[in-house]
Protein backbone atom coordinates (compact mmCIF):
# COMPACT_ATOMS: atom_id res chain seq x y z
CA MET A 1 114.40 97.29 99.16
CA CYS A 2 115.31 94.32 98.94
CA GLY A 3 117.70 92.54 101.38
CA ILE A 4 119.95 93.54 104.30
CA VAL A 5 122.76 91.73 106.10
CA GLY A 6 124.93 93.15 108.88
CA TYR A 7 127.66 91.74 111.14
CA ILE A 8 129.69 92.77 114.16
CA GLY A 9 132.08 90.36 115.86
CA LYS A 10 135.59 88.96 115.72
CA SER A 11 135.48 87.25 112.30
CA ASN A 12 135.82 88.86 108.90
CA ALA A 13 132.44 90.43 108.12
CA LYS A 14 133.14 90.12 104.39
CA ASP A 15 132.47 86.39 104.29
CA VAL A 16 129.31 86.67 106.39
CA LEU A 17 127.93 89.49 104.26
CA LEU A 18 128.57 87.89 100.88
CA SER A 19 127.20 84.54 102.00
CA GLY A 20 124.12 86.20 103.49
CA LEU A 21 123.47 88.28 100.39
CA GLU A 22 123.59 85.14 98.27
CA LYS A 23 120.86 83.66 100.45
CA LEU A 24 118.76 86.78 99.79
CA GLU A 25 119.13 86.61 96.01
CA TYR A 26 115.73 84.93 95.76
CA ARG A 27 114.03 88.20 96.75
CA GLY A 28 115.05 89.80 93.47
CA TYR A 29 117.50 92.69 93.06
CA ASP A 30 119.31 94.84 90.52
CA SER A 31 122.49 95.79 92.42
CA ALA A 32 124.39 94.89 95.57
CA GLY A 33 127.07 96.26 97.84
CA ILE A 34 128.93 95.93 101.14
CA ALA A 35 130.79 98.18 103.54
CA LEU A 36 133.57 96.91 105.85
CA LEU A 37 135.08 98.78 108.82
CA HIS A 38 138.36 97.83 110.54
CA GLU A 39 139.46 100.33 113.18
CA ASP A 40 139.06 103.61 111.25
CA GLN A 41 139.55 102.11 107.80
CA LEU A 42 136.30 101.88 105.83
CA VAL A 43 135.88 100.30 102.41
CA VAL A 44 132.66 100.39 100.35
CA ILE A 45 132.22 98.14 97.30
CA LYS A 46 129.05 98.08 95.25
CA GLU A 47 128.10 96.87 91.80
CA LYS A 48 125.13 96.95 89.48
CA GLY A 49 124.07 93.40 88.60
CA ARG A 50 124.47 90.08 90.41
CA ILE A 51 126.10 89.08 93.67
CA GLN A 52 128.77 87.34 91.62
CA ASP A 53 129.70 90.70 90.10
CA LEU A 54 130.05 92.11 93.61
CA LYS A 55 132.16 89.16 94.80
CA GLU A 56 134.53 89.65 91.90
CA ALA A 57 134.88 93.33 92.79
CA VAL A 58 135.67 92.76 96.48
CA PRO A 59 139.44 92.56 97.10
CA GLU A 60 140.60 89.25 98.54
CA ASP A 61 142.27 91.00 101.45
CA ALA A 62 139.22 93.14 102.31
CA PHE A 63 138.64 92.89 106.06
CA GLY A 64 136.42 94.30 108.76
CA GLU A 65 135.00 93.11 112.06
CA LEU A 66 132.01 95.34 111.32
CA GLY A 67 130.08 95.36 108.06
CA ILE A 68 126.77 95.91 106.31
CA GLY A 69 125.50 94.56 102.98
CA HIS A 70 122.51 95.11 100.74
CA THR A 71 120.73 93.88 97.64
CA ARG A 72 118.66 96.61 95.98
CA TRP A 73 115.48 96.49 93.93
CA ALA A 74 114.96 99.95 92.48
CA THR A 75 112.18 102.12 93.86
CA HIS A 76 113.81 105.57 93.68
CA GLY A 77 116.31 105.99 90.87
CA LYS A 78 117.22 103.56 88.12
CA PRO A 79 119.47 100.53 88.73
CA SER A 80 123.02 101.92 88.71
CA HIS A 81 126.30 101.93 90.61
CA GLU A 82 125.47 105.36 92.07
CA ASN A 83 122.05 104.27 93.32
CA ALA A 84 123.30 100.96 94.76
CA HIS A 85 123.68 100.66 98.54
CA PRO A 86 125.49 101.30 100.85
CA HIS A 87 125.12 105.10 100.76
CA GLN A 88 127.41 107.49 102.60
CA SER A 89 127.16 110.93 104.12
CA ALA A 90 129.05 113.81 102.54
CA SER A 91 132.14 113.40 104.75
CA GLY A 92 132.09 109.61 104.57
CA ARG A 93 131.66 109.32 108.35
CA PHE A 94 128.30 107.55 108.14
CA THR A 95 127.45 104.58 105.91
CA LEU A 96 123.94 103.17 105.65
CA VAL A 97 121.79 100.53 103.95
CA HIS A 98 118.01 100.78 103.81
CA ASN A 99 115.01 98.74 102.71
CA GLY A 100 111.64 100.41 102.27
CA VAL A 101 110.29 103.67 100.93
CA ILE A 102 110.58 107.07 102.62
CA GLU A 103 107.44 108.88 101.52
CA ASN A 104 108.53 112.36 102.65
CA TYR A 105 112.14 112.22 101.48
CA SER A 106 111.73 115.12 99.03
CA LEU A 107 110.30 117.37 101.77
CA LEU A 108 113.13 116.42 104.14
CA LYS A 109 115.61 117.16 101.40
CA GLN A 110 114.02 120.56 100.83
CA ASP A 111 113.67 121.50 104.52
CA TYR A 112 117.01 120.26 105.89
CA LEU A 113 119.40 119.52 103.05
CA ALA A 114 118.92 122.27 100.49
CA ASP A 115 122.68 122.92 100.37
CA ALA A 116 123.77 119.27 100.39
CA GLU A 117 125.33 117.63 97.36
CA PHE A 118 123.79 114.26 96.51
CA LYS A 119 125.47 111.45 94.61
CA SER A 120 122.34 109.32 93.99
CA ASP A 121 118.67 109.62 93.14
CA THR A 122 117.56 107.56 96.15
CA ASP A 123 115.45 108.36 99.16
CA THR A 124 118.04 106.45 101.21
CA GLU A 125 120.78 109.03 100.76
CA VAL A 126 118.55 111.63 102.42
CA ILE A 127 118.57 109.53 105.61
CA VAL A 128 122.34 109.25 105.87
CA GLN A 129 122.89 112.92 105.00
CA LEU A 130 120.39 113.93 107.69
CA ILE A 131 122.15 111.79 110.30
CA GLU A 132 125.43 113.56 109.57
CA LYS A 133 123.77 116.99 109.71
CA PHE A 134 122.32 116.32 113.17
CA ALA A 135 125.59 114.77 114.40
CA GLU A 136 127.48 117.87 113.28
CA ASN A 137 125.10 119.89 115.45
CA GLY A 138 126.40 118.08 118.53
CA LYS A 139 124.18 115.04 118.84
CA SER A 140 125.58 111.56 119.44
CA THR A 141 125.14 109.02 116.67
CA LYS A 142 122.41 107.31 118.63
CA GLU A 143 120.49 110.55 119.17
CA ALA A 144 121.07 111.76 115.60
CA LEU A 145 119.65 108.47 114.30
CA ARG A 146 116.69 108.70 116.66
CA GLN A 147 115.92 112.27 115.56
CA VAL A 148 116.02 111.28 111.89
CA LEU A 149 113.81 108.24 112.46
CA GLN A 150 111.21 110.44 114.12
CA LEU A 151 111.08 112.56 110.96
CA LEU A 152 110.67 109.69 108.50
CA HIS A 153 107.28 108.80 107.02
CA GLY A 154 107.07 105.44 105.35
CA SER A 155 108.79 102.08 105.68
CA TYR A 156 112.36 101.32 106.58
CA ALA A 157 114.80 98.72 107.78
CA ILE A 158 118.14 100.42 108.38
CA CYS A 159 121.70 99.44 109.28
CA LEU A 160 124.15 102.23 110.09
CA ILE A 161 127.91 102.39 110.59
CA ASP A 162 129.67 105.37 112.19
CA ARG A 163 133.33 105.44 111.19
CA LYS A 164 134.18 106.95 114.58
CA GLU A 165 132.57 103.99 116.41
CA PRO A 166 134.15 100.83 114.93
CA ASP A 167 132.76 98.70 117.77
CA THR A 168 129.07 99.63 117.31
CA LEU A 169 126.41 98.79 114.73
CA TYR A 170 123.06 100.59 114.65
CA ALA A 171 119.77 99.34 113.21
CA ALA A 172 116.12 100.38 113.09
CA LYS A 173 112.85 99.12 111.66
CA ASN A 174 109.38 100.27 110.63
CA LYS A 175 107.11 98.22 108.34
CA SER A 176 110.06 96.41 106.73
CA PRO A 177 111.35 93.10 108.12
CA LEU A 178 114.52 92.97 110.21
CA LEU A 179 115.88 90.33 112.60
CA ILE A 180 118.87 90.22 114.95
CA GLY A 181 120.82 86.98 115.16
CA GLU A 182 122.75 86.19 118.35
CA GLY A 183 125.98 84.21 118.63
CA LYS A 184 128.95 83.85 120.94
CA GLY A 185 130.91 87.05 120.51
CA PHE A 186 128.96 88.34 117.51
CA HIS A 187 125.64 89.65 116.25
CA VAL A 188 124.14 89.53 112.77
CA ILE A 189 121.33 91.54 111.23
CA ALA A 190 119.21 90.20 108.38
CA SER A 191 115.98 90.85 106.50
CA ASP A 192 115.37 87.12 106.51
CA ALA A 193 116.60 84.41 108.88
CA MET A 194 117.82 82.39 105.89
CA ALA A 195 120.57 84.96 105.34
CA ALA A 196 122.08 84.25 108.76
CA LEU A 197 121.31 80.57 109.40
CA LYS A 198 124.89 79.67 108.60
CA GLU A 199 125.94 81.76 111.61
CA THR A 200 123.16 81.14 114.16
CA ASP A 201 119.66 79.83 114.71
CA GLN A 202 118.90 82.27 117.58
CA PHE A 203 116.98 85.35 116.47
CA ILE A 204 115.33 88.35 118.12
CA GLU A 205 112.39 90.10 116.46
CA ILE A 206 112.61 93.85 115.96
CA MET A 207 109.24 95.60 116.03
CA ASP A 208 108.09 98.75 114.28
CA GLU A 209 109.54 102.04 115.53
CA GLU A 210 112.38 100.36 117.39
CA MET A 211 116.11 100.97 117.10
CA VAL A 212 118.93 98.64 118.06
CA ILE A 213 122.47 99.31 119.24
CA LEU A 214 124.79 96.33 118.79
CA THR A 215 128.32 95.46 119.80
CA SER A 216 129.93 92.05 119.46
CA ASP A 217 128.81 91.16 123.00
CA SER A 218 125.80 93.36 123.75
CA LEU A 219 122.42 94.28 122.34
CA THR A 220 120.15 97.17 123.31
CA ILE A 221 116.66 97.68 121.91
CA GLU A 222 114.85 100.98 122.40
CA HIS A 223 111.58 102.44 121.21
CA LEU A 224 111.89 105.75 119.39
CA ASP A 225 110.74 107.51 122.56
CA GLY A 226 113.80 106.11 124.36
CA GLU A 227 112.02 103.42 126.36
CA ALA A 228 114.15 100.29 126.72
CA VAL A 229 112.72 97.03 125.37
CA GLU A 230 113.48 93.52 126.66
CA ARG A 231 112.86 90.64 124.26
CA SER A 232 114.02 87.04 124.26
CA ALA A 233 115.47 85.17 121.29
CA TYR A 234 113.64 82.38 119.49
CA THR A 235 115.05 79.41 117.64
CA ALA A 236 114.58 79.49 113.86
CA THR A 237 113.12 76.22 112.59
CA ILE A 238 114.12 76.62 108.93
CA ASP A 239 116.23 73.75 107.64
CA ALA A 240 119.21 75.34 105.93
CA SER A 241 119.49 72.35 103.58
CA ASP A 242 116.10 73.27 102.12
CA ILE A 243 117.62 76.43 100.71
CA GLU A 244 120.00 74.63 98.37
CA LYS A 245 119.12 73.74 94.78
CA GLY A 246 120.90 70.41 94.89
CA THR A 247 121.07 68.92 91.39
CA TYR A 248 118.28 71.10 89.99
CA PRO A 249 119.16 73.76 87.40
CA HIS A 250 116.66 76.19 88.95
CA TYR A 251 114.88 76.63 92.26
CA MET A 252 111.57 76.93 90.45
CA LEU A 253 111.85 73.42 88.99
CA LYS A 254 112.89 72.05 92.38
CA GLU A 255 109.91 73.71 94.04
CA ILE A 256 107.48 72.42 91.41
CA ASP A 257 108.79 68.91 92.05
CA GLU A 258 108.44 69.33 95.83
CA GLN A 259 104.67 69.84 95.68
CA PRO A 260 103.65 66.19 96.22
CA ALA A 261 105.82 66.12 99.36
CA VAL A 262 104.32 69.43 100.51
CA MET A 263 100.81 67.96 100.21
CA ARG A 264 101.81 65.04 102.43
CA ARG A 265 103.53 67.35 104.91
CA ILE A 266 100.37 69.44 105.18
CA ILE A 267 98.25 66.33 105.76
CA GLN A 268 100.55 65.32 108.62
CA ALA A 269 100.58 68.82 110.11
CA TYR A 270 96.78 69.12 110.19
CA GLN A 271 95.91 65.58 111.26
CA ASP A 272 95.01 64.37 114.74
CA SER A 273 95.92 61.02 116.33
CA ASN A 274 92.84 59.44 114.76
CA GLY A 275 93.89 60.47 111.27
CA GLU A 276 91.20 63.16 111.03
CA ILE A 277 91.63 66.74 109.87
CA SER A 278 92.36 68.98 112.84
CA VAL A 279 92.41 72.78 113.08
CA ASP A 280 92.92 74.86 116.21
CA GLU A 281 89.56 75.21 117.97
CA ALA A 282 90.06 78.95 118.49
CA ILE A 283 90.50 79.44 114.75
CA LEU A 284 87.38 77.43 113.95
CA ASN A 285 85.38 79.43 116.47
CA GLU A 286 86.53 82.66 114.79
CA VAL A 287 85.57 81.35 111.36
CA LEU A 288 82.14 80.18 112.46
CA ALA A 289 81.42 83.34 114.45
CA ALA A 290 81.95 85.47 111.34
CA ASP A 291 78.98 86.48 109.22
CA ARG A 292 81.32 87.10 106.30
CA ILE A 293 84.96 86.33 105.57
CA TYR A 294 87.18 88.82 103.75
CA ILE A 295 90.23 87.25 102.12
CA VAL A 296 93.00 89.77 101.49
CA ALA A 297 96.00 88.93 99.32
CA CYS A 298 98.20 89.90 96.36
CA GLY A 299 99.22 88.20 93.13
CA THR A 300 99.43 84.43 93.36
CA SER A 301 98.05 84.49 96.91
CA TYR A 302 95.02 86.38 95.60
CA HIS A 303 94.40 83.60 93.09
CA ALA A 304 94.65 81.05 95.90
CA GLY A 305 92.14 83.17 97.79
CA LEU A 306 89.67 82.90 94.90
CA VAL A 307 89.88 79.10 95.13
CA GLY A 308 89.55 79.42 98.92
CA LYS A 309 86.34 81.40 98.49
CA ASN A 310 84.86 78.52 96.50
CA LEU A 311 85.96 76.01 99.16
CA LEU A 312 84.68 77.98 102.15
CA GLU A 313 81.34 78.74 100.54
CA LYS A 314 80.77 75.21 99.25
CA LEU A 315 82.00 73.31 102.32
CA ALA A 316 81.38 75.67 105.25
CA HIS A 317 78.47 77.72 103.83
CA ILE A 318 80.10 81.02 104.83
CA PRO A 319 79.93 83.98 102.42
CA VAL A 320 83.39 85.11 101.31
CA GLU A 321 84.79 88.13 99.52
CA VAL A 322 88.29 88.20 98.04
CA HIS A 323 90.10 91.53 97.80
CA VAL A 324 93.41 92.75 96.38
CA SER A 325 95.44 94.08 99.30
CA SER A 326 96.59 97.26 97.60
CA GLU A 327 92.98 98.18 96.82
CA ILE A 328 91.03 97.31 99.94
CA GLY A 329 93.45 99.20 102.18
CA TYR A 330 92.48 102.49 100.55
CA ASN A 331 88.95 101.65 99.42
CA MET A 332 87.42 99.63 102.25
CA PRO A 333 84.06 98.09 101.28
CA LEU A 334 80.97 98.28 103.44
CA LEU A 335 81.74 95.53 105.95
CA SER A 336 79.38 93.07 107.55
CA LYS A 337 78.65 93.30 111.28
CA ASN A 338 81.02 90.55 112.35
CA PRO A 339 83.73 90.02 109.74
CA LEU A 340 86.82 87.84 109.85
CA PHE A 341 89.80 88.88 107.74
CA ILE A 342 92.05 86.15 106.33
CA PHE A 343 95.42 87.31 105.02
CA ILE A 344 97.20 84.98 102.60
CA THR A 345 100.92 85.61 102.14
CA GLN A 346 103.85 83.36 101.31
CA SER A 347 106.44 85.50 103.07
CA GLY A 348 104.35 87.00 105.84
CA GLU A 349 106.04 90.32 105.05
CA THR A 350 103.89 91.62 102.18
CA ALA A 351 103.59 95.37 102.78
CA ASP A 352 100.26 95.83 100.96
CA SER A 353 98.64 93.13 103.09
CA ARG A 354 100.20 94.37 106.31
CA GLN A 355 98.80 97.87 105.91
CA VAL A 356 95.32 96.34 105.66
CA LEU A 357 95.98 94.17 108.73
CA VAL A 358 96.96 97.22 110.76
CA LYS A 359 93.81 99.08 109.71
CA VAL A 360 91.34 96.29 110.38
CA LYS A 361 92.88 95.58 113.78
CA GLU A 362 92.44 99.26 114.64
CA MET A 363 88.79 98.80 113.64
CA GLY A 364 88.56 95.95 116.15
CA HIS A 365 88.10 93.10 113.66
CA ARG A 366 89.54 89.60 114.05
CA THR A 367 92.35 88.39 111.81
CA LEU A 368 93.91 85.15 110.60
CA THR A 369 97.12 84.84 108.57
CA LEU A 370 98.01 81.93 106.28
CA THR A 371 101.77 82.10 105.77
CA ASN A 372 104.79 79.99 104.98
CA VAL A 373 107.05 81.80 107.46
CA PRO A 374 106.47 81.38 111.20
CA GLY A 375 107.62 84.46 113.07
CA SER A 376 107.05 86.77 110.10
CA THR A 377 105.36 90.13 110.56
CA LEU A 378 101.83 89.11 109.56
CA ASP A 379 102.16 85.92 111.58
CA ARG A 380 103.08 87.89 114.71
CA GLU A 381 100.52 90.64 114.26
CA ALA A 382 97.40 88.65 113.34
CA ASP A 383 95.20 87.12 116.03
CA HIS A 384 95.72 83.63 114.61
CA ALA A 385 97.93 81.90 112.07
CA MET A 386 97.92 78.75 109.99
CA TYR A 387 101.19 77.64 108.42
CA LEU A 388 101.72 76.33 104.90
CA HIS A 389 104.56 73.90 105.73
CA ALA A 390 105.91 74.31 102.21
CA GLY A 391 109.53 74.91 103.24
CA PRO A 392 111.52 77.91 101.94
CA GLU A 393 110.39 79.05 98.51
CA ILE A 394 113.28 80.75 96.75
CA ALA A 395 112.17 81.26 93.13
CA VAL A 396 110.35 84.55 92.64
CA ALA A 397 107.52 82.80 90.80
CA SER A 398 105.51 81.07 93.52
CA THR A 399 104.57 77.44 92.89
CA LYS A 400 104.57 75.23 95.97
CA ALA A 401 103.36 78.07 98.20
CA TYR A 402 100.31 78.50 95.95
CA THR A 403 99.30 74.85 96.15
CA ALA A 404 100.04 74.84 99.88
CA GLN A 405 97.73 77.84 100.32
CA VAL A 406 94.92 76.10 98.47
CA ALA A 407 95.44 72.90 100.46
CA VAL A 408 95.40 74.70 103.82
CA LEU A 409 92.28 76.62 102.79
CA SER A 410 90.62 73.32 101.94
CA ILE A 411 91.51 72.03 105.41
CA LEU A 412 90.06 75.14 107.04
CA ALA A 413 86.86 74.85 104.98
CA VAL A 414 86.34 71.15 105.73
CA ALA A 415 87.10 71.55 109.44
CA ALA A 416 84.68 74.48 109.75
CA GLY A 417 82.00 72.65 107.76
CA ARG A 418 82.31 69.52 109.87
CA LYS A 419 82.00 71.52 113.08
CA GLU A 420 78.69 72.83 111.72
CA ALA A 421 77.70 69.32 110.53
CA ILE A 422 77.40 70.47 106.91
CA SER A 423 77.02 67.32 104.86
CA GLU A 424 79.36 68.39 102.04
CA ALA A 425 82.18 68.64 104.56
CA VAL A 426 81.22 65.67 106.74
CA ASP A 427 81.22 63.38 103.71
CA PHE A 428 84.49 64.77 102.34
CA ASP A 429 87.43 62.49 103.23
CA LEU A 430 89.99 65.25 102.79
CA VAL A 431 92.96 63.24 104.06
CA GLN A 432 92.38 60.62 101.40
CA GLU A 433 91.61 63.16 98.69
CA LEU A 434 94.75 65.22 99.37
CA GLY A 435 96.69 61.97 99.20
CA ILE A 436 95.18 61.37 95.76
CA VAL A 437 96.18 64.91 94.79
CA ALA A 438 99.78 64.21 95.85
CA THR A 439 99.84 61.12 93.64
CA ALA A 440 98.37 63.07 90.72
CA MET A 441 101.03 65.74 91.21
CA GLU A 442 103.74 63.08 91.05
CA SER A 443 102.36 61.87 87.73
CA LEU A 444 102.28 65.40 86.36
CA VAL A 445 105.79 66.42 87.39
CA ALA A 446 106.98 63.20 85.75
CA SER A 447 105.45 64.42 82.45
CA LYS A 448 108.03 67.17 81.94
CA GLU A 449 109.05 66.07 78.43
CA ILE A 450 105.46 66.24 77.17
CA ILE A 451 104.87 69.63 78.76
CA GLU A 452 108.19 71.00 77.50
CA HIS A 453 107.18 69.97 73.98
CA ILE A 454 103.81 71.71 74.35
CA ALA A 455 105.55 74.86 75.64
CA GLY A 456 107.87 74.90 72.64
CA GLU A 457 105.02 74.34 70.21
CA TYR A 458 102.63 76.97 71.55
CA LEU A 459 104.77 79.47 73.44
CA GLY A 460 108.23 79.35 71.89
CA THR A 461 108.00 82.50 69.76
CA THR A 462 104.63 84.07 70.55
CA ARG A 463 104.34 87.54 72.03
CA ASN A 464 100.99 86.87 73.73
CA ALA A 465 98.80 84.03 74.98
CA PHE A 466 95.39 83.46 76.54
CA PHE A 467 94.26 81.04 79.23
CA LEU A 468 90.57 80.17 79.46
CA GLY A 469 88.53 78.51 82.17
CA ARG A 470 85.14 78.40 83.81
CA SER A 471 84.26 78.09 87.49
CA VAL A 472 87.41 77.23 89.50
CA ASP A 473 89.26 76.63 86.22
CA TYR A 474 88.97 80.38 85.62
CA TYR A 475 90.92 80.98 88.83
CA VAL A 476 93.61 78.59 87.63
CA ALA A 477 93.67 80.40 84.27
CA LEU A 478 94.46 83.64 86.12
CA GLU A 479 97.33 81.98 87.97
CA ALA A 480 98.61 80.28 84.80
CA ALA A 481 98.72 83.62 82.98
CA LEU A 482 100.55 85.26 85.87
CA LYS A 483 103.16 82.52 85.95
CA LEU A 484 103.77 82.78 82.21
CA LYS A 485 104.04 86.55 82.09
CA GLU A 486 106.26 86.96 85.14
CA ILE A 487 109.04 84.60 84.07
CA SER A 488 108.82 84.41 80.25
CA TYR A 489 107.68 88.02 79.66
CA ILE A 490 104.95 86.81 77.30
CA GLN A 491 101.89 89.04 77.50
CA ALA A 492 99.43 86.54 78.97
CA GLU A 493 95.89 86.94 80.26
CA GLY A 494 93.45 84.62 81.99
CA PHE A 495 89.77 84.93 81.16
CA ALA A 496 86.45 83.44 82.11
CA SER A 497 85.80 81.76 78.78
CA GLY A 498 82.15 82.85 78.65
CA GLU A 499 83.40 86.44 78.48
CA LEU A 500 85.10 85.86 75.13
CA LYS A 501 82.15 87.08 73.14
CA HIS A 502 81.95 90.24 75.27
CA GLY A 503 85.16 91.69 73.94
CA THR A 504 88.17 89.42 74.32
CA ILE A 505 87.60 87.48 71.12
CA ALA A 506 88.52 90.64 69.20
CA LEU A 507 92.14 89.97 70.21
CA ILE A 508 92.27 86.53 68.59
CA GLU A 509 94.44 86.49 65.48
CA GLU A 510 95.82 83.76 63.24
CA GLY A 511 98.16 81.66 65.39
CA THR A 512 97.24 83.17 68.78
CA PRO A 513 97.91 80.54 71.48
CA VAL A 514 94.81 79.79 73.57
CA ILE A 515 95.17 77.31 76.40
CA ALA A 516 91.92 76.07 77.92
CA ILE A 517 91.59 74.33 81.27
CA ALA A 518 88.68 71.90 81.57
CA THR A 519 88.17 69.95 84.79
CA GLN A 520 84.54 70.66 85.74
CA PRO A 521 81.83 68.35 84.33
CA ASN A 522 79.02 70.90 84.67
CA VAL A 523 80.73 73.40 82.33
CA ASN A 524 82.79 71.03 80.20
CA TRP A 525 80.77 71.46 77.02
CA ASN A 526 80.48 75.20 77.55
CA ILE A 527 84.23 75.72 77.56
CA ARG A 528 84.70 73.38 74.61
CA GLY A 529 82.25 75.52 72.71
CA ASN A 530 84.38 78.55 73.57
CA VAL A 531 87.47 76.72 72.34
CA ASN A 532 85.74 76.10 69.01
CA GLU A 533 84.90 79.82 68.77
CA VAL A 534 88.56 80.86 68.94
CA LEU A 535 89.66 77.93 66.78
CA ALA A 536 87.34 79.18 64.05
CA ARG A 537 89.14 82.52 64.19
CA GLY A 538 92.60 81.07 63.69
CA ALA A 539 93.76 80.45 67.27
CA GLU A 540 96.18 77.65 68.11
CA THR A 541 94.24 75.87 70.83
CA CYS A 542 95.51 73.57 73.56
CA VAL A 543 93.14 71.87 76.00
CA ILE A 544 94.34 70.68 79.41
CA SER A 545 91.56 68.48 80.73
CA MET A 546 90.96 66.06 83.57
CA GLU A 547 90.16 62.39 83.38
CA GLY A 548 86.42 61.95 83.21
CA VAL A 549 85.82 65.06 81.12
CA ASP A 550 88.63 64.56 78.58
CA GLN A 551 87.96 64.33 74.86
CA PRO A 552 89.98 63.13 71.87
CA GLY A 553 92.46 65.79 70.83
CA ASP A 554 93.10 67.17 74.32
CA ARG A 555 96.84 67.84 74.57
CA LEU A 556 97.24 66.89 78.23
CA VAL A 557 94.96 64.90 80.53
CA VAL A 558 95.36 65.45 84.27
CA PRO A 559 94.71 62.51 86.63
CA GLN A 560 91.30 62.74 88.24
CA VAL A 561 91.01 64.33 91.70
CA HIS A 562 88.05 65.52 93.77
CA LYS A 563 86.10 68.29 92.03
CA HIS A 564 86.82 70.78 94.84
CA LEU A 565 90.58 70.12 94.61
CA THR A 566 91.10 70.25 90.85
CA PRO A 567 93.12 73.52 91.02
CA LEU A 568 95.82 71.65 92.93
CA ALA A 569 96.36 69.32 89.98
CA SER A 570 95.55 71.45 86.93
CA VAL A 571 97.96 74.21 87.97
CA ILE A 572 101.01 71.88 87.78
CA PRO A 573 101.20 71.70 83.97
CA CYS A 574 100.60 75.46 83.85
CA GLN A 575 103.59 76.04 86.12
CA LEU A 576 105.74 73.79 83.94
CA LEU A 577 104.53 75.49 80.75
CA ALA A 578 105.70 78.81 82.17
CA TYR A 579 109.02 77.30 83.23
CA TYR A 580 109.81 75.80 79.84
CA ALA A 581 108.57 78.87 77.95
CA ALA A 582 111.04 80.93 79.97
CA LEU A 583 113.83 78.46 79.21
CA HIS A 584 113.04 78.60 75.48
CA ARG A 585 113.46 82.38 75.66
CA ASP A 586 116.68 82.27 77.72
CA CYS A 587 115.01 84.13 80.59
CA ASP A 588 116.31 84.15 84.16
CA VAL A 589 113.78 81.70 85.58
CA ASP A 590 114.40 82.18 89.30
CA LYS A 591 115.00 85.93 89.23
CA PRO A 592 112.78 87.54 86.58
CA ARG A 593 113.42 91.17 85.76
CA ASN A 594 111.85 93.93 87.85
CA LEU A 595 110.33 91.48 90.36
CA ALA A 596 111.06 90.77 94.01
CA LYS A 597 110.12 87.71 96.05
CA SER A 598 109.09 89.56 99.20
CA VAL A 599 107.32 92.79 98.32
CA THR A 600 108.09 94.78 101.46
CA VAL A 601 107.03 98.19 100.15
CA GLU A 602 103.56 99.34 99.09
C-alpha cells in the first residue's frame, strides 16, 4: 500500500497524477512514483522519500495521455528506489502499481517464475512478471490480467499499463479500496475520492474481484468470471476546501481546532425538527433487538469503542464487549444468541475490521458501521451506517474523528435508552450537553500556550511517559498514550491507576513523567492517592482534572461537562500535549514514520 492514482484522457496525466498523489500524502508513505505513456514512449520516475522529491525528479516536459502513480508504505522489502512503484515486467511492456498484500506471492514466484530475474523485493513485481509470462503465451492483456488475478490470494488494488495499448488502462480490486472517476473525455482511478476531486465529483465503486477496462471515453467492469457488471456513478460530497491546511502549520493542529465545530455539526445531523436527538428507526430496532453488542475496532477507534461501551451500558442498559479487530477475526469469542456488531472506523477501509465484517455477515449476524467516509467499503457492506460528519481527516494521528466517534456513540446510546424509556437516557439532554462540550473544547484549544509549556516541561527530553486514569479516564489515558507515542516516538503507556501496585510502579524512576487524568468524582481521591504513590518514588507528576474535582496544584483544569461526556473534553489537552511534544522533537507531525492513515492491509 498506500495510495493509487491513474488517468487516461486528453490532458497531460503528469499533472493529474502528481496532484492526486499529494492529496494521498495523509495516508503515510515512504516512496512514490509515476509512469507516463505517450504513443509507445513510456517513462517511469520513482523516488524514495516525499512527493516533493518525486516532483523534482520528473522532467518538465514529461508527457502522457495515460499514466499511473503510487505512494508506497513498505510491506514487502525496505523503503528504497528499487522497491518503489511502479514496477515493470522484464521486457518493460507492462507497468503496474499495487496496494495490498499478496499472501501467496512466494509460491507463485516458485511455481511460475523460477527463471525470472527480479529487480525488487516486493510481492507486486510478481504480479507484473506473471502478466507478461501469460501474455507471451498468447493471451490478450485482459485475459492475462484475469488469469493472474484468479491466482492471487490476498488483497489488491491494481492499475496496469500495456505499452502496446496506449489507449487502454486496466484496473482491478480485492479488499483494497479503488474508485473510478468519470469526466468528459477522461477517466481517473484513485484509492480515495480526495485524490481526484480536482478532476471530477462523479465516482463509480469497484467491488471485490472485479476488473475494469478504461479508455478516455469508455468504461467496462467485469467480474473475474467474465460476467459484465453495470453500475451507476455517485456524486462525492466531500468539500475539496476541507482538504487544505489554510494558515495552519500542520493538519493535526487544524483538526484539533475543528473539534468544537464537529460537535455542532453532529448535533445538527442527528437532530429532528423538534430539536430532539434522532437516529434511524431501523438502527435503533437492531440495537434493541440485540442481547449483546460487540464493538470491533483498531487503535484510536478501539479506544472510542471503550468509551462507547460505557455509554451504551449506562444509558441503554445493553451489555457490550469491545474487541480489537485483528484479534477477534481469528479468535472469535463465544457469541450471544442475537448479537449486533458495531464497526468503528475513521476511513471505512480498515482491512482488519473488514475481514471481521465479512465473517460475521457470513454467520448471519447484523452489522452497523460508524465511519467518517460515506461510500467507503465498510459503509457499503454493513447493514447500517452512522456517519461521523467530521470532514476529511488528513493527519495520521486521529483527533477529530475520535471525538466524533464518541459523540455519535453517545447519540446512539441516548436514542436507544429513550426508546426503552430508561430514565438515565430520558433525563439526559444530550443536545444541550454536547453544546456544552463544544464550548469546553473551544476553551481548551484556546489554551495552547499553557499546554505547550506543559509539554516542554514534562515531555521535552524524556524517553518514556505514563498516563493514568480510572473509569472512563483510563480509556482516555490509553488514547493519550497512543497519540504521544505515534507522533513524538516517546515510549508511552496508559494504565488503570489502581494497577500501579500490581507491577507498573516498578518502572517509575527519578524524573519519570506521569500524567494523571481526573474527571470522575467517585474515584477522584483514589487516583490522587495513586499520584502520591508515584510522586514518592521520584516521578514528575502532572494532573489534568475537571472543574468540580480539581485540587490546588493541578496543572490544567478542564471546563466541567456531563460525567458521561468527560472523554470528549479531557482528550483535547492530551492531543495538544502530543502535538507539542512532537514539535519539540522536530518530528513530522502529520506523517509520522512507519504509519499510514488508512490501514488497508491486515
